[in-house]
Amino acid sequence: MSVIEASLRGKGWTAFISRHVTTREVMLMHRLFDLRRYAPLTALCLLASRLGDGPLWWVTGVVLLVVGSGPTRWAVLGAALAIGLSVTLFMAVKNLIGRPRPYETWCDLPCLLAPPDRFSFPSGHTMTAFAVCANYAVLVPGSELFFFPVALLIGLSRVFLGCHYPTDVLAGAALGSGIGLGTARLLAVLVGF
């Protein structure tokens, strides 16, 4: 019996997700996968996903520390805190939920990029990207014009590449935004800006 067959026969939250959400997500993913024939789009998604591995956050942090003023430097600290909290939370939730990756359950959903960990829910790349985006949006007004499209692209790339279901990305975006807003507000209170 496959993982999906077992979850379809089960009861509770996992069975509900398998019956009502996952099949719709798979249909959406098939439509997205049709766009893989456009090589530049696939290359863009691969690049976005790889930048979300960490290099983008290191580079922007260093740039903002070098060229930024006092409040901007505090924002970098907030982003680092948001990243740390995101990683801690998504690893705990992934291990608690244990949702298999799409390609592990659906043989017709190939993954174009090796994922960094075993489980799918929530998307850690998306959670981290939205945590950084929300933090900077509060502490460095106007920065969301850069960070929001980047976070959105990272999230979409994870579905496009077959690493995550759409609900993994939506949950990651929501949780990450909450973490980023929380760290920004905490710093704003502690530092007084």
C-alpha atoms as a PDB file:
ATOM      1  CA  MET A   1       0.000   0.000   0.000  1.00  0.00           C
ATOM      2  CA  SER A   2       1.398   3.396  -0.985  1.00  0.00           C
ATOM      3  CA  VAL A   3       1.637   6.388   1.359  1.00  0.00           C
ATOM      4  CA  ILE A   4      -1.280   8.085  -0.394  1.00  0.00           C
ATOM      5  CA  GLU A   5      -3.461   4.958  -0.224  1.00  0.00           C
ATOM      6  CA  ALA A   6      -2.773   4.636   3.489  1.00  0.00           C
ATOM      7  CA  SER A   7      -3.611   8.268   4.145  1.00  0.00           C
ATOM      8  CA  LEU A   8      -6.800   8.063   2.054  1.00  0.00           C
ATOM      9  CA  ARG A   9      -8.027   5.193   4.247  1.00  0.00           C
ATOM     10  CA  GLY A  10      -7.072   6.945   7.470  1.00  0.00           C
ATOM     11  CA  LYS A  11      -9.089   9.344   9.560  1.00  0.00           C
ATOM     12  CA  GLY A  12      -8.499  12.812  10.837  1.00  0.00           C
ATOM     13  CA  TRP A  13      -6.497  15.751   9.574  1.00  0.00           C
ATOM     14  CA  THR A  14      -3.990  13.817   7.450  1.00  0.00           C
ATOM     15  CA  ALA A  15      -6.751  11.907   5.666  1.00  0.00           C
ATOM     16  CA  PHE A  16      -8.705  15.113   5.056  1.00  0.00           C
ATOM     17  CA  ILE A  17      -5.658  16.804   3.548  1.00  0.00           C
ATOM     18  CA  SER A  18      -4.917  13.763   1.377  1.00  0.00           C
ATOM     19  CA  ARG A  19      -8.498  13.504   0.105  1.00  0.00           C
ATOM     20  CA  HIS A  20      -9.462  17.123  -0.376  1.00  0.00           C
ATOM     21  CA  VAL A  21      -6.370  19.253  -0.698  1.00  0.00           C
ATOM     22  CA  THR A  22      -3.523  17.183  -2.060  1.00  0.00           C
ATOM     23  CA  THR A  23      -5.361  15.991  -5.187  1.00  0.00           C
ATOM     24  CA  ARG A  24      -6.208  19.595  -6.129  1.00  0.00           C
ATOM     25  CA  GLU A  25      -2.630  20.635  -5.452  1.00  0.00           C
ATOM     26  CA  VAL A  26      -1.377  17.883  -7.731  1.00  0.00           C
ATOM     27  CA  MET A  27      -3.604  19.150 -10.552  1.00  0.00           C
ATOM     28  CA  LEU A  28      -2.190  22.648 -10.082  1.00  0.00           C
ATOM     29  CA  MET A  29       1.349  21.291 -10.011  1.00  0.00           C
ATOM     30  CA  HIS A  30       0.768  19.455 -13.303  1.00  0.00           C
ATOM     31  CA  ARG A  31      -0.207  22.773 -14.886  1.00  0.00           C
ATOM     32  CA  LEU A  32       2.872  24.462 -13.458  1.00  0.00           C
ATOM     33  CA  PHE A  33       5.083  21.609 -14.646  1.00  0.00           C
ATOM     34  CA  ASP A  34       3.891  22.259 -18.212  1.00  0.00           C
ATOM     35  CA  LEU A  35       5.755  25.584 -17.954  1.00  0.00           C
ATOM     36  CA  ARG A  36       9.034  23.749 -17.382  1.00  0.00           C
ATOM     37  CA  ARG A  37       9.424  23.531 -21.147  1.00  0.00           C
ATOM     38  CA  TYR A  38      10.449  27.205 -21.050  1.00  0.00           C
ATOM     39  CA  ALA A  39      14.130  26.910 -20.180  1.00  0.00           C
ATOM     40  CA  PRO A  40      14.572  30.536 -18.991  1.00  0.00           C
ATOM     41  CA  LEU A  41      11.683  30.143 -16.525  1.00  0.00           C
ATOM     42  CA  THR A  42      13.120  26.894 -15.191  1.00  0.00           C
ATOM     43  CA  ALA A  43      16.556  28.518 -14.864  1.00  0.00           C
ATOM     44  CA  LEU A  44      15.017  31.477 -12.986  1.00  0.00           C
ATOM     45  CA  CYS A  45      13.272  29.132 -10.543  1.00  0.00           C
ATOM     46  CA  LEU A  46      16.459  27.131  -9.986  1.00  0.00           C
ATOM     47  CA  LEU A  47      18.365  30.367  -9.312  1.00  0.00           C
ATOM     48  CA  ALA A  48      15.683  31.700  -6.944  1.00  0.00           C
ATOM     49  CA  SER A  49      15.607  28.458  -5.001  1.00  0.00           C
ATOM     50  CA  ARG A  50      19.401  28.326  -4.717  1.00  0.00           C
ATOM     51  CA  LEU A  51      19.555  31.956  -3.565  1.00  0.00           C
ATOM     52  CA  GLY A  52      16.976  31.051  -0.923  1.00  0.00           C
ATOM     53  CA  ASP A  53      19.412  28.446   0.434  1.00  0.00           C
ATOM     54  CA  GLY A  54      21.181  31.303   2.212  1.00  0.00           C
ATOM     55  CA  PRO A  55      23.470  33.291  -0.115  1.00  0.00           C
ATOM     56  CA  LEU A  56      20.881  36.005  -0.698  1.00  0.00           C
ATOM     57  CA  TRP A  57      20.421  36.574   3.038  1.00  0.00           C
ATOM     58  CA  TRP A  58      24.174  36.678   3.706  1.00  0.00           C
ATOM     59  CA  VAL A  59      24.838  39.133   0.880  1.00  0.00           C
ATOM     60  CA  THR A  60      21.965  41.480   1.738  1.00  0.00           C
ATOM     61  CA  GLY A  61      22.937  41.368   5.413  1.00  0.00           C
ATOM     62  CA  VAL A  62      26.546  42.296   4.672  1.00  0.00           C
ATOM     63  CA  VAL A  63      25.528  45.063   2.233  1.00  0.00           C
ATOM     64  CA  LEU A  64      23.086  46.566   4.723  1.00  0.00           C
ATOM     65  CA  LEU A  65      25.651  46.407   7.522  1.00  0.00           C
ATOM     66  CA  VAL A  66      28.254  48.175   5.370  1.00  0.00           C
ATOM     67  CA  VAL A  67      26.099  50.884   3.772  1.00  0.00           C
ATOM     68  CA  GLY A  68      23.229  51.166   6.248  1.00  0.00           C
ATOM     69  CA  SER A  69      22.603  53.507   9.135  1.00  0.00           C
ATOM     70  CA  GLY A  70      21.946  52.499  12.746  1.00  0.00           C
ATOM     71  CA  PRO A  71      18.318  51.374  12.299  1.00  0.00           C
ATOM     72  CA  THR A  72      19.211  49.430   9.161  1.00  0.00           C
ATOM     73  CA  ARG A  73      21.943  47.605  11.041  1.00  0.00           C
ATOM     74  CA  TRP A  74      19.440  46.682  13.745  1.00  0.00           C
ATOM     75  CA  ALA A  75      17.191  45.359  10.969  1.00  0.00           C
ATOM     76  CA  VAL A  76      19.974  42.964   9.948  1.00  0.00           C
ATOM     77  CA  LEU A  77      20.038  41.640  13.502  1.00  0.00           C
ATOM     78  CA  GLY A  78      16.256  41.229  13.300  1.00  0.00           C
ATOM     79  CA  ALA A  79      16.587  39.330  10.017  1.00  0.00           C
ATOM     80  CA  ALA A  80      19.198  37.015  11.523  1.00  0.00           C
ATOM     81  CA  LEU A  81      16.921  36.365  14.497  1.00  0.00           C
ATOM     82  CA  ALA A  82      13.956  35.760  12.161  1.00  0.00           C
ATOM     83  CA  ILE A  83      16.011  33.280  10.129  1.00  0.00           C
ATOM     84  CA  GLY A  84      17.107  31.419  13.251  1.00  0.00           C
ATOM     85  CA  LEU A  85      13.546  31.205  14.563  1.00  0.00           C
ATOM     86  CA  SER A  86      12.243  30.126  11.149  1.00  0.00           C
ATOM     87  CA  VAL A  87      14.761  27.314  10.814  1.00  0.00           C
ATOM     88  CA  THR A  88      14.036  26.099  14.337  1.00  0.00           C
ATOM     89  CA  LEU A  89      10.271  26.173  13.790  1.00  0.00           C
ATOM     90  CA  PHE A  90      10.156  24.641  10.317  1.00  0.00           C
ATOM     91  CA  MET A  91      12.437  21.768  11.309  1.00  0.00           C
ATOM     92  CA  ALA A  92      10.266  21.003  14.352  1.00  0.00           C
ATOM     93  CA  VAL A  93       7.016  21.216  12.371  1.00  0.00           C
ATOM     94  CA  LYS A  94       8.382  19.148   9.476  1.00  0.00           C
ATOM     95  CA  ASN A  95       9.408  16.369  11.839  1.00  0.00           C
ATOM     96  CA  LEU A  96       6.092  16.565  13.700  1.00  0.00           C
ATOM     97  CA  ILE A  97       3.856  16.507  10.584  1.00  0.00           C
ATOM     98  CA  GLY A  98       6.047  14.247   8.438  1.00  0.00           C
ATOM     99  CA  ARG A  99       4.392  15.091   5.118  1.00  0.00           C
ATOM    100  CA  PRO A 100       6.256  13.317   2.304  1.00  0.00           C
ATOM    101  CA  ARG A 101       7.612  15.339  -0.605  1.00  0.00           C
ATOM    102  CA  PRO A 102       5.380  15.378  -3.721  1.00  0.00           C
ATOM    103  CA  TYR A 103       7.739  13.228  -5.793  1.00  0.00           C
ATOM    104  CA  GLU A 104       7.787  10.573  -3.054  1.00  0.00           C
ATOM    105  CA  THR A 105       4.028  10.095  -3.256  1.00  0.00           C
ATOM    106  CA  TRP A 106       3.203  10.963  -6.866  1.00  0.00           C
ATOM    107  CA  CYS A 107       5.469   9.344  -9.456  1.00  0.00           C
ATOM    108  CA  ASP A 108       4.349  11.845 -12.107  1.00  0.00           C
ATOM    109  CA  LEU A 109       5.642  14.851 -10.101  1.00  0.00           C
ATOM    110  CA  PRO A 110       9.394  14.793 -10.665  1.00  0.00           C
ATOM    111  CA  CYS A 111      11.597  17.045  -8.565  1.00  0.00           C
ATOM    112  CA  LEU A 112      14.233  19.091 -10.413  1.00  0.00           C
ATOM    113  CA  LEU A 113      16.290  19.897  -7.321  1.00  0.00           C
ATOM    114  CA  ALA A 114      17.398  17.746  -4.417  1.00  0.00           C
ATOM    115  CA  PRO A 115      15.629  19.011  -1.289  1.00  0.00           C
ATOM    116  CA  PRO A 116      17.750  19.844   1.775  1.00  0.00           C
ATOM    117  CA  ASP A 117      15.689  17.712   4.167  1.00  0.00           C
ATOM    118  CA  ARG A 118      13.223  14.845   4.208  1.00  0.00           C
ATOM    119  CA  PHE A 119       9.774  16.347   4.742  1.00  0.00           C
ATOM    120  CA  SER A 120       7.649  18.808   2.818  1.00  0.00           C
ATOM    121  CA  PHE A 121       5.404  20.763   5.236  1.00  0.00           C
ATOM    122  CA  PRO A 122       6.023  23.682   5.666  1.00  0.00           C
ATOM    123  CA  SER A 123       8.416  25.079   3.074  1.00  0.00           C
ATOM    124  CA  GLY A 124      11.530  26.215   4.936  1.00  0.00           C
ATOM    125  CA  HIS A 125      12.801  28.278   2.005  1.00  0.00           C
ATOM    126  CA  THR A 126       9.501  30.161   1.841  1.00  0.00           C
ATOM    127  CA  MET A 127       9.252  30.587   5.602  1.00  0.00           C
ATOM    128  CA  THR A 128      12.732  32.062   5.791  1.00  0.00           C
ATOM    129  CA  ALA A 129      12.181  34.340   2.786  1.00  0.00           C
ATOM    130  CA  PHE A 130       8.939  35.770   4.181  1.00  0.00           C
ATOM    131  CA  ALA A 131      10.444  36.134   7.664  1.00  0.00           C
ATOM    132  CA  VAL A 132      13.276  38.243   6.240  1.00  0.00           C
ATOM    133  CA  CYS A 133      10.871  40.195   4.019  1.00  0.00           C
ATOM    134  CA  ALA A 134       8.459  41.033   6.865  1.00  0.00           C
ATOM    135  CA  ASN A 135      11.299  42.002   9.208  1.00  0.00           C
ATOM    136  CA  TYR A 136      12.857  44.372   6.686  1.00  0.00           C
ATOM    137  CA  ALA A 137       9.463  45.747   5.585  1.00  0.00           C
ATOM    138  CA  VAL A 138       8.845  47.000   9.124  1.00  0.00           C
ATOM    139  CA  LEU A 139      12.360  48.155  10.004  1.00  0.00           C
ATOM    140  CA  VAL A 140      13.552  49.408   6.600  1.00  0.00           C
ATOM    141  CA  PRO A 141      10.484  50.985   4.975  1.00  0.00           C
ATOM    142  CA  GLY A 142      10.436  50.577   1.216  1.00  0.00           C
ATOM    143  CA  SER A 143      12.600  47.447   1.269  1.00  0.00           C
ATOM    144  CA  GLU A 144       9.521  45.303   0.697  1.00  0.00           C
ATOM    145  CA  LEU A 145       9.562  46.511  -2.919  1.00  0.00           C
ATOM    146  CA  PHE A 146      12.635  44.303  -3.342  1.00  0.00           C
ATOM    147  CA  PHE A 147      12.100  41.588  -0.736  1.00  0.00           C
ATOM    148  CA  PHE A 148       8.426  40.736  -1.337  1.00  0.00           C
ATOM    149  CA  PRO A 149       8.829  39.811  -5.032  1.00  0.00           C
ATOM    150  CA  VAL A 150      11.961  37.830  -4.136  1.00  0.00           C
ATOM    151  CA  ALA A 151      10.153  35.948  -1.340  1.00  0.00           C
ATOM    152  CA  LEU A 152       7.213  35.269  -3.650  1.00  0.00           C
ATOM    153  CA  LEU A 153       9.528  33.982  -6.390  1.00  0.00           C
ATOM    154  CA  ILE A 154      11.352  31.706  -3.937  1.00  0.00           C
ATOM    155  CA  GLY A 155       8.035  30.255  -2.763  1.00  0.00           C
ATOM    156  CA  LEU A 156       6.725  29.718  -6.288  1.00  0.00           C
ATOM    157  CA  SER A 157      10.022  28.179  -7.342  1.00  0.00           C
ATOM    158  CA  ARG A 158       9.707  25.504  -4.664  1.00  0.00           C
ATOM    159  CA  VAL A 159       6.399  24.322  -6.151  1.00  0.00           C
ATOM    160  CA  PHE A 160       7.577  24.762  -9.764  1.00  0.00           C
ATOM    161  CA  LEU A 161      10.654  22.616  -9.080  1.00  0.00           C
ATOM    162  CA  GLY A 162       8.581  19.893  -7.414  1.00  0.00           C
ATOM    163  CA  CYS A 163      10.026  20.254  -3.907  1.00  0.00           C
ATOM    164  CA  HIS A 164       6.748  21.284  -2.246  1.00  0.00           C
ATOM    165  CA  TYR A 165       2.983  21.262  -2.516  1.00  0.00           C
ATOM    166  CA  PRO A 166       1.330  24.709  -2.761  1.00  0.00           C
ATOM    167  CA  THR A 167      -0.021  24.428   0.815  1.00  0.00           C
ATOM    168  CA  ASP A 168       3.537  23.887   2.074  1.00  0.00           C
ATOM    169  CA  VAL A 169       4.463  27.226   0.547  1.00  0.00           C
ATOM    170  CA  LEU A 170       1.334  29.023   1.793  1.00  0.00           C
ATOM    171  CA  ALA A 171       1.951  27.787   5.343  1.00  0.00           C
ATOM    172  CA  GLY A 172       5.618  28.761   5.108  1.00  0.00           C
ATOM    173  CA  ALA A 173       4.688  32.264   3.925  1.00  0.00           C
ATOM    174  CA  ALA A 174       2.175  32.750   6.741  1.00  0.00           C
ATOM    175  CA  LEU A 175       4.441  31.435   9.484  1.00  0.00           C
ATOM    176  CA  GLY A 176       7.471  33.295   8.149  1.00  0.00           C
ATOM    177  CA  SER A 177       5.561  36.573   7.908  1.00  0.00           C
ATOM    178  CA  GLY A 178       4.454  36.195  11.507  1.00  0.00           C
ATOM    179  CA  ILE A 179       7.990  35.498  12.669  1.00  0.00           C
ATOM    180  CA  GLY A 180       9.405  38.447  10.708  1.00  0.00           C
ATOM    181  CA  LEU A 181       6.767  40.847  12.006  1.00  0.00           C
ATOM    182  CA  GLY A 182       7.326  39.589  15.542  1.00  0.00           C
ATOM    183  CA  THR A 183      11.104  40.029  15.462  1.00  0.00           C
ATOM    184  CA  ALA A 184      10.753  43.489  13.926  1.00  0.00           C
ATOM    185  CA  ARG A 185       8.269  44.609  16.572  1.00  0.00           C
ATOM    186  CA  LEU A 186      10.437  43.170  19.341  1.00  0.00           C
ATOM    187  CA  LEU A 187      13.467  45.092  18.087  1.00  0.00           C
ATOM    188  CA  ALA A 188      11.442  48.253  17.600  1.00  0.00           C
ATOM    189  CA  VAL A 189      10.346  48.086  21.257  1.00  0.00           C
ATOM    190  CA  LEU A 190      13.776  47.136  22.633  1.00  0.00           C
ATOM    191  CA  VAL A 191      15.768  49.650  20.602  1.00  0.00           C
ATOM    192  CA  GLY A 192      13.106  52.356  20.458  1.00  0.00           C
ATOM    193  CA  PHE A 193      12.587  53.102  16.782  1.00  0.00           C
END
